[in-house]
Amino acid sequence: MKSADHLHALPMIDSAAAEQTRATSVSMATTLIMNLLRCVLFLIKNRLSVISFRGYRDIGGDNIVIVVAPSPRLHAIFGEDCAWRQRRPDGELTIYTWFADRFGCRVEWEEVTCL
């Protein structure tokens, strides 16, 4: 084994898979990436700070979560489309995790209140 053999890229898609399956997978990935881009551009256009984003797959399909910094503009931008999904205490504080959906992505942020 040469020292650089481990650097060769492994195939991302099983070469035995049907061409239609490959085409569908590429199409779904492209849509997911474009939705992420649309959402991030929407957030930046509305002067929101994107902290991070992550993707995951579950029974419902592929999902992207974009975390933004808290801002008073969030409730104005998302209006009644946003809701809190989690409330947790931290000493004398209560932390609410809010979310809203845009372009097939979930936008999340946290707000802190005193008890």
PDB file of N, CA and C in Angstrom:
ATOM      1  N   MET A   1       0.836  -1.182   0.000  1.00  0.00           N
ATOM      2  CA  MET A   1       0.000   0.000   0.000  1.00  0.00           C
ATOM      3  C   MET A   1       0.877   1.240   0.000  1.00  0.00           C
ATOM      4  N   LYS A   2       0.637   2.102  -0.952  1.00  0.00           N
ATOM      5  CA  LYS A   2       1.368   3.357  -1.004  1.00  0.00           C
ATOM      6  C   LYS A   2       0.858   4.288   0.089  1.00  0.00           C
ATOM      7  N   SER A   3       1.694   5.253   0.447  1.00  0.00           N
ATOM      8  CA  SER A   3       1.317   6.145   1.546  1.00  0.00           C
ATOM      9  C   SER A   3       0.115   7.014   1.198  1.00  0.00           C
ATOM     10  N   ALA A   4      -0.144   7.283  -0.062  1.00  0.00           N
ATOM     11  CA  ALA A   4      -1.261   8.147  -0.445  1.00  0.00           C
ATOM     12  C   ALA A   4      -2.501   7.366  -0.883  1.00  0.00           C
ATOM     13  N   ASP A   5      -2.473   6.029  -0.798  1.00  0.00           N
ATOM     14  CA  ASP A   5      -3.629   5.244  -1.230  1.00  0.00           C
ATOM     15  C   ASP A   5      -4.894   5.592  -0.455  1.00  0.00           C
ATOM     16  N   HIS A   6      -4.752   5.952   0.797  1.00  0.00           N
ATOM     17  CA  HIS A   6      -5.928   6.254   1.608  1.00  0.00           C
ATOM     18  C   HIS A   6      -6.570   7.600   1.236  1.00  0.00           C
ATOM     19  N   LEU A   7      -5.936   8.384   0.384  1.00  0.00           N
ATOM     20  CA  LEU A   7      -6.458   9.685  -0.003  1.00  0.00           C
ATOM     21  C   LEU A   7      -7.404   9.621  -1.196  1.00  0.00           C
ATOM     22  N   HIS A   8      -7.538   8.468  -1.828  1.00  0.00           N
ATOM     23  CA  HIS A   8      -8.431   8.349  -2.971  1.00  0.00           C
ATOM     24  C   HIS A   8      -9.875   8.463  -2.516  1.00  0.00           C
ATOM     25  N   ALA A   9     -10.653   9.248  -3.248  1.00  0.00           N
ATOM     26  CA  ALA A   9     -12.056   9.455  -2.907  1.00  0.00           C
ATOM     27  C   ALA A   9     -12.849   8.170  -3.119  1.00  0.00           C
ATOM     28  N   LEU A  10     -13.722   7.898  -2.197  1.00  0.00           N
ATOM     29  CA  LEU A  10     -14.615   6.762  -2.333  1.00  0.00           C
ATOM     30  C   LEU A  10     -15.848   7.208  -3.105  1.00  0.00           C
ATOM     31  N   PRO A  11     -16.444   6.327  -3.876  1.00  0.00           N
ATOM     32  CA  PRO A  11     -17.643   6.724  -4.611  1.00  0.00           C
ATOM     33  C   PRO A  11     -18.762   7.095  -3.645  1.00  0.00           C
ATOM     34  N   MET A  12     -19.477   8.202  -3.950  1.00  0.00           N
ATOM     35  CA  MET A  12     -20.566   8.659  -3.094  1.00  0.00           C
ATOM     36  C   MET A  12     -21.849   7.873  -3.355  1.00  0.00           C
ATOM     37  N   ILE A  13     -22.003   7.359  -4.554  1.00  0.00           N
ATOM     38  CA  ILE A  13     -23.215   6.651  -4.925  1.00  0.00           C
ATOM     39  C   ILE A  13     -22.818   5.261  -5.407  1.00  0.00           C
ATOM     40  N   ASP A  14     -23.542   4.259  -4.971  1.00  0.00           N
ATOM     41  CA  ASP A  14     -23.274   2.882  -5.370  1.00  0.00           C
ATOM     42  C   ASP A  14     -23.373   2.774  -6.886  1.00  0.00           C
ATOM     43  N   SER A  15     -22.282   2.335  -7.515  1.00  0.00           N
ATOM     44  CA  SER A  15     -22.258   2.271  -8.979  1.00  0.00           C
ATOM     45  C   SER A  15     -23.240   1.240  -9.525  1.00  0.00           C
ATOM     46  N   ALA A  16     -23.725   0.334  -8.684  1.00  0.00           N
ATOM     47  CA  ALA A  16     -24.694  -0.659  -9.147  1.00  0.00           C
ATOM     48  C   ALA A  16     -26.127  -0.134  -9.099  1.00  0.00           C
ATOM     49  N   ALA A  17     -26.316   1.047  -8.511  1.00  0.00           N
ATOM     50  CA  ALA A  17     -27.669   1.604  -8.411  1.00  0.00           C
ATOM     51  C   ALA A  17     -28.178   2.001  -9.788  1.00  0.00           C
ATOM     52  N   ALA A  18     -29.459   1.966  -9.934  1.00  0.00           N
ATOM     53  CA  ALA A  18     -30.074   2.334 -11.220  1.00  0.00           C
ATOM     54  C   ALA A  18     -29.852   3.816 -11.503  1.00  0.00           C
ATOM     55  N   GLU A  19     -29.733   4.161 -12.779  1.00  0.00           N
ATOM     56  CA  GLU A  19     -29.501   5.555 -13.181  1.00  0.00           C
ATOM     57  C   GLU A  19     -30.619   6.469 -12.691  1.00  0.00           C
ATOM     58  N   GLN A  20     -31.854   5.998 -12.705  1.00  0.00           N
ATOM     59  CA  GLN A  20     -32.981   6.814 -12.231  1.00  0.00           C
ATOM     60  C   GLN A  20     -32.834   7.136 -10.741  1.00  0.00           C
ATOM     61  N   THR A  21     -32.361   6.177  -9.973  1.00  0.00           N
ATOM     62  CA  THR A  21     -32.153   6.405  -8.540  1.00  0.00           C
ATOM     63  C   THR A  21     -31.085   7.464  -8.329  1.00  0.00           C
ATOM     64  N   ARG A  22     -30.020   7.401  -9.097  1.00  0.00           N
ATOM     65  CA  ARG A  22     -28.964   8.415  -9.007  1.00  0.00           C
ATOM     66  C   ARG A  22     -29.494   9.789  -9.371  1.00  0.00           C
ATOM     67  N   ALA A  23     -30.241   9.858 -10.467  1.00  0.00           N
ATOM     68  CA  ALA A  23     -30.789  11.135 -10.917  1.00  0.00           C
ATOM     69  C   ALA A  23     -31.731  11.720  -9.864  1.00  0.00           C
ATOM     70  N   THR A  24     -32.537  10.887  -9.250  1.00  0.00           N
ATOM     71  CA  THR A  24     -33.438  11.349  -8.199  1.00  0.00           C
ATOM     72  C   THR A  24     -32.667  11.858  -6.995  1.00  0.00           C
ATOM     73  N   SER A  25     -31.629  11.141  -6.606  1.00  0.00           N
ATOM     74  CA  SER A  25     -30.811  11.561  -5.464  1.00  0.00           C
ATOM     75  C   SER A  25     -30.134  12.904  -5.721  1.00  0.00           C
ATOM     76  N   VAL A  26     -29.596  13.082  -6.913  1.00  0.00           N
ATOM     77  CA  VAL A  26     -28.934  14.343  -7.268  1.00  0.00           C
ATOM     78  C   VAL A  26     -29.953  15.480  -7.284  1.00  0.00           C
ATOM     79  N   SER A  27     -31.128  15.223  -7.830  1.00  0.00           N
ATOM     80  CA  SER A  27     -32.174  16.238  -7.881  1.00  0.00           C
ATOM     81  C   SER A  27     -32.615  16.653  -6.478  1.00  0.00           C
ATOM     82  N   MET A  28     -32.795  15.687  -5.580  1.00  0.00           N
ATOM     83  CA  MET A  28     -33.206  15.985  -4.210  1.00  0.00           C
ATOM     84  C   MET A  28     -32.120  16.769  -3.469  1.00  0.00           C
ATOM     85  N   ALA A  29     -30.871  16.393  -3.656  1.00  0.00           N
ATOM     86  CA  ALA A  29     -29.760  17.099  -3.009  1.00  0.00           C
ATOM     87  C   ALA A  29     -29.660  18.530  -3.530  1.00  0.00           C
ATOM     88  N   THR A  30     -29.831  18.706  -4.824  1.00  0.00           N
ATOM     89  CA  THR A  30     -29.775  20.042  -5.419  1.00  0.00           C
ATOM     90  C   THR A  30     -30.892  20.923  -4.869  1.00  0.00           C
ATOM     91  N   THR A  31     -32.088  20.388  -4.767  1.00  0.00           N
ATOM     92  CA  THR A  31     -33.217  21.140  -4.213  1.00  0.00           C
ATOM     93  C   THR A  31     -32.940  21.542  -2.770  1.00  0.00           C
ATOM     94  N   LEU A  32     -32.418  20.620  -1.985  1.00  0.00           N
ATOM     95  CA  LEU A  32     -32.103  20.894  -0.581  1.00  0.00           C
ATOM     96  C   LEU A  32     -31.065  22.007  -0.458  1.00  0.00           C
ATOM     97  N   ILE A  33     -30.032  21.946  -1.250  1.00  0.00           N
ATOM     98  CA  ILE A  33     -28.973  22.966  -1.215  1.00  0.00           C
ATOM     99  C   ILE A  33     -29.509  24.318  -1.681  1.00  0.00           C
ATOM    100  N   MET A  34     -30.328  24.329  -2.714  1.00  0.00           N
ATOM    101  CA  MET A  34     -30.902  25.588  -3.203  1.00  0.00           C
ATOM    102  C   MET A  34     -31.846  26.201  -2.176  1.00  0.00           C
ATOM    103  N   ASN A  35     -32.612  25.373  -1.473  1.00  0.00           N
ATOM    104  CA  ASN A  35     -33.488  25.884  -0.415  1.00  0.00           C
ATOM    105  C   ASN A  35     -32.676  26.491   0.725  1.00  0.00           C
ATOM    106  N   LEU A  36     -31.576  25.859   1.078  1.00  0.00           N
ATOM    107  CA  LEU A  36     -30.688  26.412   2.102  1.00  0.00           C
ATOM    108  C   LEU A  36     -30.166  27.774   1.654  1.00  0.00           C
ATOM    109  N   LEU A  37     -29.707  27.866   0.425  1.00  0.00           N
ATOM    110  CA  LEU A  37     -29.193  29.127  -0.100  1.00  0.00           C
ATOM    111  C   LEU A  37     -30.273  30.210  -0.105  1.00  0.00           C
ATOM    112  N   ARG A  38     -31.475  29.878  -0.580  1.00  0.00           N
ATOM    113  CA  ARG A  38     -32.574  30.852  -0.595  1.00  0.00           C
ATOM    114  C   ARG A  38     -32.873  31.366   0.812  1.00  0.00           C
ATOM    115  N   CYS A  39     -32.919  30.449   1.769  1.00  0.00           N
ATOM    116  CA  CYS A  39     -33.244  30.830   3.141  1.00  0.00           C
ATOM    117  C   CYS A  39     -32.150  31.708   3.747  1.00  0.00           C
ATOM    118  N   VAL A  40     -30.894  31.334   3.573  1.00  0.00           N
ATOM    119  CA  VAL A  40     -29.789  32.137   4.109  1.00  0.00           C
ATOM    120  C   VAL A  40     -29.788  33.531   3.483  1.00  0.00           C
ATOM    121  N   LEU A  41     -30.002  33.626   2.182  1.00  0.00           N
ATOM    122  CA  LEU A  41     -30.061  34.935   1.527  1.00  0.00           C
ATOM    123  C   LEU A  41     -31.239  35.761   2.044  1.00  0.00           C
ATOM    124  N   PHE A  42     -32.379  35.126   2.281  1.00  0.00           N
ATOM    125  CA  PHE A  42     -33.541  35.793   2.852  1.00  0.00           C
ATOM    126  C   PHE A  42     -33.214  36.356   4.232  1.00  0.00           C
ATOM    127  N   LEU A  43     -32.551  35.562   5.058  1.00  0.00           N
ATOM    128  CA  LEU A  43     -32.198  35.998   6.411  1.00  0.00           C
ATOM    129  C   LEU A  43     -31.213  37.165   6.372  1.00  0.00           C
ATOM    130  N   ILE A  44     -30.205  37.070   5.523  1.00  0.00           N
ATOM    131  CA  ILE A  44     -29.201  38.141   5.409  1.00  0.00           C
ATOM    132  C   ILE A  44     -29.862  39.418   4.875  1.00  0.00           C
ATOM    133  N   LYS A  45     -30.737  39.265   3.888  1.00  0.00           N
ATOM    134  CA  LYS A  45     -31.447  40.423   3.329  1.00  0.00           C
ATOM    135  C   LYS A  45     -32.251  41.144   4.414  1.00  0.00           C
ATOM    136  N   ASN A  46     -32.767  40.381   5.380  1.00  0.00           N
ATOM    137  CA  ASN A  46     -33.544  40.955   6.474  1.00  0.00           C
ATOM    138  C   ASN A  46     -32.680  41.319   7.686  1.00  0.00           C
ATOM    139  N   ARG A  47     -31.361  41.430   7.447  1.00  0.00           N
ATOM    140  CA  ARG A  47     -30.387  41.880   8.449  1.00  0.00           C
ATOM    141  C   ARG A  47     -30.359  40.991   9.694  1.00  0.00           C
ATOM    142  N   LEU A  48     -30.467  39.690   9.484  1.00  0.00           N
ATOM    143  CA  LEU A  48     -30.351  38.723  10.578  1.00  0.00           C
ATOM    144  C   LEU A  48     -28.994  38.036  10.471  1.00  0.00           C
ATOM    145  N   SER A  49     -28.444  37.688  11.615  1.00  0.00           N
ATOM    146  CA  SER A  49     -27.126  37.039  11.648  1.00  0.00           C
ATOM    147  C   SER A  49     -27.279  35.524  11.707  1.00  0.00           C
ATOM    148  N   VAL A  50     -26.753  34.846  10.707  1.00  0.00           N
ATOM    149  CA  VAL A  50     -26.777  33.386  10.671  1.00  0.00           C
ATOM    150  C   VAL A  50     -25.594  32.879  11.496  1.00  0.00           C
ATOM    151  N   ILE A  51     -25.895  32.072  12.510  1.00  0.00           N
ATOM    152  CA  ILE A  51     -24.857  31.525  13.382  1.00  0.00           C
ATOM    153  C   ILE A  51     -24.341  30.200  12.831  1.00  0.00           C
ATOM    154  N   SER A  52     -25.264  29.326  12.429  1.00  0.00           N
ATOM    155  CA  SER A  52     -24.856  28.004  11.931  1.00  0.00           C
ATOM    156  C   SER A  52     -26.017  27.368  11.179  1.00  0.00           C
ATOM    157  N   PHE A  53     -25.719  26.270  10.515  1.00  0.00           N
ATOM    158  CA  PHE A  53     -26.768  25.451   9.928  1.00  0.00           C
ATOM    159  C   PHE A  53     -26.308  24.004   9.938  1.00  0.00           C
ATOM    160  N   ARG A  54     -27.284  23.110   9.954  1.00  0.00           N
ATOM    161  CA  ARG A  54     -26.977  21.678   9.962  1.00  0.00           C
ATOM    162  C   ARG A  54     -28.089  20.951   9.215  1.00  0.00           C
ATOM    163  N   GLY A  55     -27.735  19.820   8.692  1.00  0.00           N
ATOM    164  CA  GLY A  55     -28.714  18.992   8.004  1.00  0.00           C
ATOM    165  C   GLY A  55     -28.785  17.631   8.650  1.00  0.00           C
ATOM    166  N   TYR A  56     -29.943  17.016   8.578  1.00  0.00           N
ATOM    167  CA  TYR A  56     -30.106  15.667   9.097  1.00  0.00           C
ATOM    168  C   TYR A  56     -31.230  14.972   8.343  1.00  0.00           C
ATOM    169  N   ARG A  57     -31.245  13.669   8.443  1.00  0.00           N
ATOM    170  CA  ARG A  57     -32.251  12.858   7.768  1.00  0.00           C
ATOM    171  C   ARG A  57     -33.012  12.070   8.826  1.00  0.00           C
ATOM    172  N   ASP A  58     -34.346  12.090   8.725  1.00  0.00           N
ATOM    173  CA  ASP A  58     -35.169  11.262   9.594  1.00  0.00           C
ATOM    174  C   ASP A  58     -36.301  10.649   8.774  1.00  0.00           C
ATOM    175  N   ILE A  59     -37.280  10.087   9.443  1.00  0.00           N
ATOM    176  CA  ILE A  59     -38.364   9.403   8.744  1.00  0.00           C
ATOM    177  C   ILE A  59     -39.092  10.344   7.793  1.00  0.00           C
ATOM    178  N   GLY A  60     -39.207  11.613   8.172  1.00  0.00           N
ATOM    179  CA  GLY A  60     -39.906  12.586   7.340  1.00  0.00           C
ATOM    180  C   GLY A  60     -39.105  13.066   6.146  1.00  0.00           C
ATOM    181  N   GLY A  61     -37.848  12.700   6.057  1.00  0.00           N
ATOM    182  CA  GLY A  61     -37.014  13.123   4.937  1.00  0.00           C
ATOM    183  C   GLY A  61     -35.819  13.928   5.394  1.00  0.00           C
ATOM    184  N   ASP A  62     -35.243  14.671   4.476  1.00  0.00           N
ATOM    185  CA  ASP A  62     -34.084  15.504   4.769  1.00  0.00           C
ATOM    186  C   ASP A  62     -34.541  16.829   5.367  1.00  0.00           C
ATOM    187  N   ASN A  63     -33.805  17.306   6.351  1.00  0.00           N
ATOM    188  CA  ASN A  63     -34.149  18.547   7.026  1.00  0.00           C
ATOM    189  C   ASN A  63     -32.917  19.415   7.208  1.00  0.00           C
ATOM    190  N   ILE A  64     -33.130  20.729   7.146  1.00  0.00           N
ATOM    191  CA  ILE A  64     -32.062  21.681   7.408  1.00  0.00           C
ATOM    192  C   ILE A  64     -32.541  22.618   8.507  1.00  0.00           C
ATOM    193  N   VAL A  65     -31.679  22.852   9.490  1.00  0.00           N
ATOM    194  CA  VAL A  65     -31.952  23.800  10.562  1.00  0.00           C
ATOM    195  C   VAL A  65     -30.904  24.900  10.473  1.00  0.00           C
ATOM    196  N   ILE A  66     -31.374  26.143  10.420  1.00  0.00           N
ATOM    197  CA  ILE A  66     -30.496  27.307  10.390  1.00  0.00           C
ATOM    198  C   ILE A  66     -30.680  28.041  11.712  1.00  0.00           C
ATOM    199  N   VAL A  67     -29.592  28.248  12.439  1.00  0.00           N
ATOM    200  CA  VAL A  67     -29.650  28.946  13.721  1.00  0.00           C
ATOM    201  C   VAL A  67     -29.242  30.393  13.494  1.00  0.00           C
ATOM    202  N   VAL A  68     -30.080  31.316  13.974  1.00  0.00           N
ATOM    203  CA  VAL A  68     -29.792  32.740  13.844  1.00  0.00           C
ATOM    204  C   VAL A  68     -29.685  33.372  15.224  1.00  0.00           C
ATOM    205  N   ALA A  69     -29.010  34.519  15.283  1.00  0.00           N
ATOM    206  CA  ALA A  69     -28.897  35.270  16.532  1.00  0.00           C
ATOM    207  C   ALA A  69     -30.254  35.892  16.851  1.00  0.00           C
ATOM    208  N   PRO A  70     -30.598  35.972  18.144  1.00  0.00           N
ATOM    209  CA  PRO A  70     -31.880  36.588  18.502  1.00  0.00           C
ATOM    210  C   PRO A  70     -31.933  38.044  18.068  1.00  0.00           C
ATOM    211  N   SER A  71     -33.115  38.473  17.682  1.00  0.00           N
ATOM    212  CA  SER A  71     -33.317  39.843  17.221  1.00  0.00           C
ATOM    213  C   SER A  71     -34.795  40.188  17.368  1.00  0.00           C
ATOM    214  N   PRO A  72     -35.111  41.430  17.725  1.00  0.00           N
ATOM    215  CA  PRO A  72     -36.521  41.834  17.780  1.00  0.00           C
ATOM    216  C   PRO A  72     -37.207  41.743  16.412  1.00  0.00           C
ATOM    217  N   ARG A  73     -36.435  41.781  15.345  1.00  0.00           N
ATOM    218  CA  ARG A  73     -36.999  41.711  13.994  1.00  0.00           C
ATOM    219  C   ARG A  73     -37.559  40.325  13.653  1.00  0.00           C
ATOM    220  N   LEU A  74     -37.124  39.298  14.361  1.00  0.00           N
ATOM    221  CA  LEU A  74     -37.559  37.939  14.022  1.00  0.00           C
ATOM    222  C   LEU A  74     -39.075  37.792  14.092  1.00  0.00           C
ATOM    223  N   HIS A  75     -39.680  38.284  15.166  1.00  0.00           N
ATOM    224  CA  HIS A  75     -41.131  38.148  15.303  1.00  0.00           C
ATOM    225  C   HIS A  75     -41.863  39.010  14.280  1.00  0.00           C
ATOM    226  N   ALA A  76     -41.269  40.132  13.895  1.00  0.00           N
ATOM    227  CA  ALA A  76     -41.875  40.981  12.862  1.00  0.00           C
ATOM    228  C   ALA A  76     -41.776  40.303  11.493  1.00  0.00           C
ATOM    229  N   ILE A  77     -40.657  39.671  11.216  1.00  0.00           N
ATOM    230  CA  ILE A  77     -40.442  39.016   9.921  1.00  0.00           C
ATOM    231  C   ILE A  77     -41.311  37.764   9.783  1.00  0.00           C
ATOM    232  N   PHE A  78     -41.328  36.929  10.829  1.00  0.00           N
ATOM    233  CA  PHE A  78     -42.045  35.659  10.742  1.00  0.00           C
ATOM    234  C   PHE A  78     -43.491  35.747  11.219  1.00  0.00           C
ATOM    235  N   GLY A  79     -43.827  36.790  11.966  1.00  0.00           N
ATOM    236  CA  GLY A  79     -45.203  36.991  12.418  1.00  0.00           C
ATOM    237  C   GLY A  79     -45.757  35.792  13.165  1.00  0.00           C
ATOM    238  N   GLU A  80     -46.947  35.393  12.770  1.00  0.00           N
ATOM    239  CA  GLU A  80     -47.607  34.266  13.439  1.00  0.00           C
ATOM    240  C   GLU A  80     -47.105  32.915  12.944  1.00  0.00           C
ATOM    241  N   ASP A  81     -46.135  32.920  12.041  1.00  0.00           N
ATOM    242  CA  ASP A  81     -45.557  31.667  11.545  1.00  0.00           C
ATOM    243  C   ASP A  81     -44.552  31.069  12.518  1.00  0.00           C
ATOM    244  N   CYS A  82     -44.167  31.813  13.557  1.00  0.00           N
ATOM    245  CA  CYS A  82     -43.171  31.273  14.481  1.00  0.00           C
ATOM    246  C   CYS A  82     -43.847  30.768  15.760  1.00  0.00           C
ATOM    247  N   ALA A  83     -43.195  29.812  16.395  1.00  0.00           N
ATOM    248  CA  ALA A  83     -43.695  29.228  17.638  1.00  0.00           C
ATOM    249  C   ALA A  83     -42.500  28.747  18.449  1.00  0.00           C
ATOM    250  N   TRP A  84     -42.672  28.614  19.747  1.00  0.00           N
ATOM    251  CA  TRP A  84     -41.569  28.075  20.528  1.00  0.00           C
ATOM    252  C   TRP A  84     -41.734  26.571  20.644  1.00  0.00           C
ATOM    253  N   ARG A  85     -40.619  25.876  20.548  1.00  0.00           N
ATOM    254  CA  ARG A  85     -40.640  24.414  20.583  1.00  0.00           C
ATOM    255  C   ARG A  85     -40.057  23.857  21.865  1.00  0.00           C
ATOM    256  N   GLN A  86     -39.337  24.692  22.620  1.00  0.00           N
ATOM    257  CA  GLN A  86     -38.707  24.196  23.839  1.00  0.00           C
ATOM    258  C   GLN A  86     -38.564  25.349  24.828  1.00  0.00           C
ATOM    259  N   ARG A  87     -38.779  25.025  26.106  1.00  0.00           N
ATOM    260  CA  ARG A  87     -38.542  25.980  27.186  1.00  0.00           C
ATOM    261  C   ARG A  87     -37.730  25.252  28.240  1.00  0.00           C
ATOM    262  N   ARG A  88     -36.622  25.873  28.658  1.00  0.00           N
ATOM    263  CA  ARG A  88     -35.792  25.214  29.666  1.00  0.00           C
ATOM    264  C   ARG A  88     -35.266  26.256  30.655  1.00  0.00           C
ATOM    265  N   PRO A  89     -35.232  25.879  31.933  1.00  0.00           N
ATOM    266  CA  PRO A  89     -34.698  26.803  32.937  1.00  0.00           C
ATOM    267  C   PRO A  89     -33.182  26.745  32.970  1.00  0.00           C
ATOM    268  N   ASP A  90     -32.583  27.869  33.318  1.00  0.00           N
ATOM    269  CA  ASP A  90     -31.134  27.947  33.522  1.00  0.00           C
ATOM    270  C   ASP A  90     -30.923  28.916  34.679  1.00  0.00           C
ATOM    271  N   GLY A  91     -30.923  28.373  35.895  1.00  0.00           N
ATOM    272  CA  GLY A  91     -30.837  29.220  37.081  1.00  0.00           C
ATOM    273  C   GLY A  91     -32.085  30.071  37.189  1.00  0.00           C
ATOM    274  N   GLU A  92     -31.904  31.378  37.241  1.00  0.00           N
ATOM    275  CA  GLU A  92     -33.021  32.325  37.331  1.00  0.00           C
ATOM    276  C   GLU A  92     -33.573  32.711  35.959  1.00  0.00           C
ATOM    277  N   LEU A  93     -33.054  32.111  34.927  1.00  0.00           N
ATOM    278  CA  LEU A  93     -33.464  32.443  33.566  1.00  0.00           C
ATOM    279  C   LEU A  93     -34.315  31.333  32.962  1.00  0.00           C
ATOM    280  N   THR A  94     -35.121  31.696  31.989  1.00  0.00           N
ATOM    281  CA  THR A  94     -35.849  30.728  31.176  1.00  0.00           C
ATOM    282  C   THR A  94     -35.435  30.965  29.728  1.00  0.00           C
ATOM    283  N   ILE A  95     -35.029  29.905  29.059  1.00  0.00           N
ATOM    284  CA  ILE A  95     -34.586  29.997  27.672  1.00  0.00           C
ATOM    285  C   ILE A  95     -35.642  29.349  26.783  1.00  0.00           C
ATOM    286  N   TYR A  96     -36.131  30.127  25.828  1.00  0.00           N
ATOM    287  CA  TYR A  96     -37.104  29.640  24.854  1.00  0.00           C
ATOM    288  C   TYR A  96     -36.399  29.434  23.516  1.00  0.00           C
ATOM    289  N   THR A  97     -36.619  28.279  22.916  1.00  0.00           N
ATOM    290  CA  THR A  97     -36.139  28.027  21.561  1.00  0.00           C
ATOM    291  C   THR A  97     -37.326  28.200  20.624  1.00  0.00           C
ATOM    292  N   TRP A  98     -37.213  29.177  19.739  1.00  0.00           N
ATOM    293  CA  TRP A  98     -38.256  29.498  18.779  1.00  0.00           C
ATOM    294  C   TRP A  98     -37.891  28.930  17.410  1.00  0.00           C
ATOM    295  N   PHE A  99     -38.895  28.744  16.558  1.00  0.00           N
ATOM    296  CA  PHE A  99     -38.624  28.301  15.194  1.00  0.00           C
ATOM    297  C   PHE A  99     -39.677  28.842  14.237  1.00  0.00           C
ATOM    298  N   ALA A 100     -39.293  28.885  12.989  1.00  0.00           N
ATOM    299  CA  ALA A 100     -40.191  29.211  11.876  1.00  0.00           C
ATOM    300  C   ALA A 100     -39.655  28.493  10.644  1.00  0.00           C
ATOM    301  N   ASP A 101     -40.519  28.202   9.709  1.00  0.00           N
ATOM    302  CA  ASP A 101     -40.107  27.512   8.485  1.00  0.00           C
ATOM    303  C   ASP A 101     -40.127  28.465   7.308  1.00  0.00           C
ATOM    304  N   ARG A 102     -39.051  28.441   6.526  1.00  0.00           N
ATOM    305  CA  ARG A 102     -38.950  29.220   5.296  1.00  0.00           C
ATOM    306  C   ARG A 102     -38.178  28.411   4.265  1.00  0.00           C
ATOM    307  N   PHE A 103     -38.699  28.376   3.060  1.00  0.00           N
ATOM    308  CA  PHE A 103     -38.029  27.713   1.928  1.00  0.00           C
ATOM    309  C   PHE A 103     -37.663  26.268   2.248  1.00  0.00           C
ATOM    310  N   GLY A 104     -38.495  25.583   3.008  1.00  0.00           N
ATOM    311  CA  GLY A 104     -38.228  24.195   3.353  1.00  0.00           C
ATOM    312  C   GLY A 104     -37.159  24.009   4.418  1.00  0.00           C
ATOM    313  N   CYS A 105     -36.735  25.094   5.065  1.00  0.00           N
ATOM    314  CA  CYS A 105     -35.735  25.040   6.127  1.00  0.00           C
ATOM    315  C   CYS A 105     -36.353  25.520   7.432  1.00  0.00           C
ATOM    316  N   ARG A 106     -35.873  24.990   8.528  1.00  0.00           N
ATOM    317  CA  ARG A 106     -36.309  25.455   9.841  1.00  0.00           C
ATOM    318  C   ARG A 106     -35.313  26.482  10.346  1.00  0.00           C
ATOM    319  N   VAL A 107     -35.814  27.666  10.696  1.00  0.00           N
ATOM    320  CA  VAL A 107     -34.992  28.736  11.267  1.00  0.00           C
ATOM    321  C   VAL A 107     -35.238  28.719  12.772  1.00  0.00           C
ATOM    322  N   GLU A 108     -34.164  28.640  13.568  1.00  0.00           N
ATOM    323  CA  GLU A 108     -34.299  28.584  15.025  1.00  0.00           C
ATOM    324  C   GLU A 108     -33.492  29.688  15.683  1.00  0.00           C
ATOM    325  N   TRP A 109     -33.973  30.134  16.840  1.00  0.00           N
ATOM    326  CA  TRP A 109     -33.244  31.090  17.670  1.00  0.00           C
ATOM    327  C   TRP A 109     -33.694  30.918  19.111  1.00  0.00           C
ATOM    328  N   GLU A 110     -32.889  31.428  20.020  1.00  0.00           N
ATOM    329  CA  GLU A 110     -33.201  31.343  21.442  1.00  0.00           C
ATOM    330  C   GLU A 110     -33.371  32.730  22.032  1.00  0.00           C
ATOM    331  N   GLU A 111     -34.329  32.835  22.941  1.00  0.00           N
ATOM    332  CA  GLU A 111     -34.556  34.074  23.680  1.00  0.00           C
ATOM    333  C   GLU A 111     -34.515  33.751  25.164  1.00  0.00           C
ATOM    334  N   VAL A 112     -33.972  34.665  25.941  1.00  0.00           N
ATOM    335  CA  VAL A 112     -33.795  34.465  27.375  1.00  0.00           C
ATOM    336  C   VAL A 112     -34.661  35.471  28.123  1.00  0.00           C
ATOM    337  N   THR A 113     -35.395  34.969  29.129  1.00  0.00           N
ATOM    338  CA  THR A 113     -36.195  35.837  29.996  1.00  0.00           C
ATOM    339  C   THR A 113     -35.875  35.520  31.459  1.00  0.00           C
ATOM    340  N   CYS A 114     -36.105  36.494  32.319  1.00  0.00           N
ATOM    341  CA  CYS A 114     -35.928  36.293  33.758  1.00  0.00           C
ATOM    342  C   CYS A 114     -37.197  35.718  34.338  1.00  0.00           C
ATOM    343  N   LEU A 115     -37.049  34.883  35.361  1.00  0.00           N
ATOM    344  CA  LEU A 115     -38.236  34.304  36.032  1.00  0.00           C
ATOM    345  C   LEU A 115     -38.972  35.340  36.823  1.00  0.00           C
TER     346      LEU A 115
END
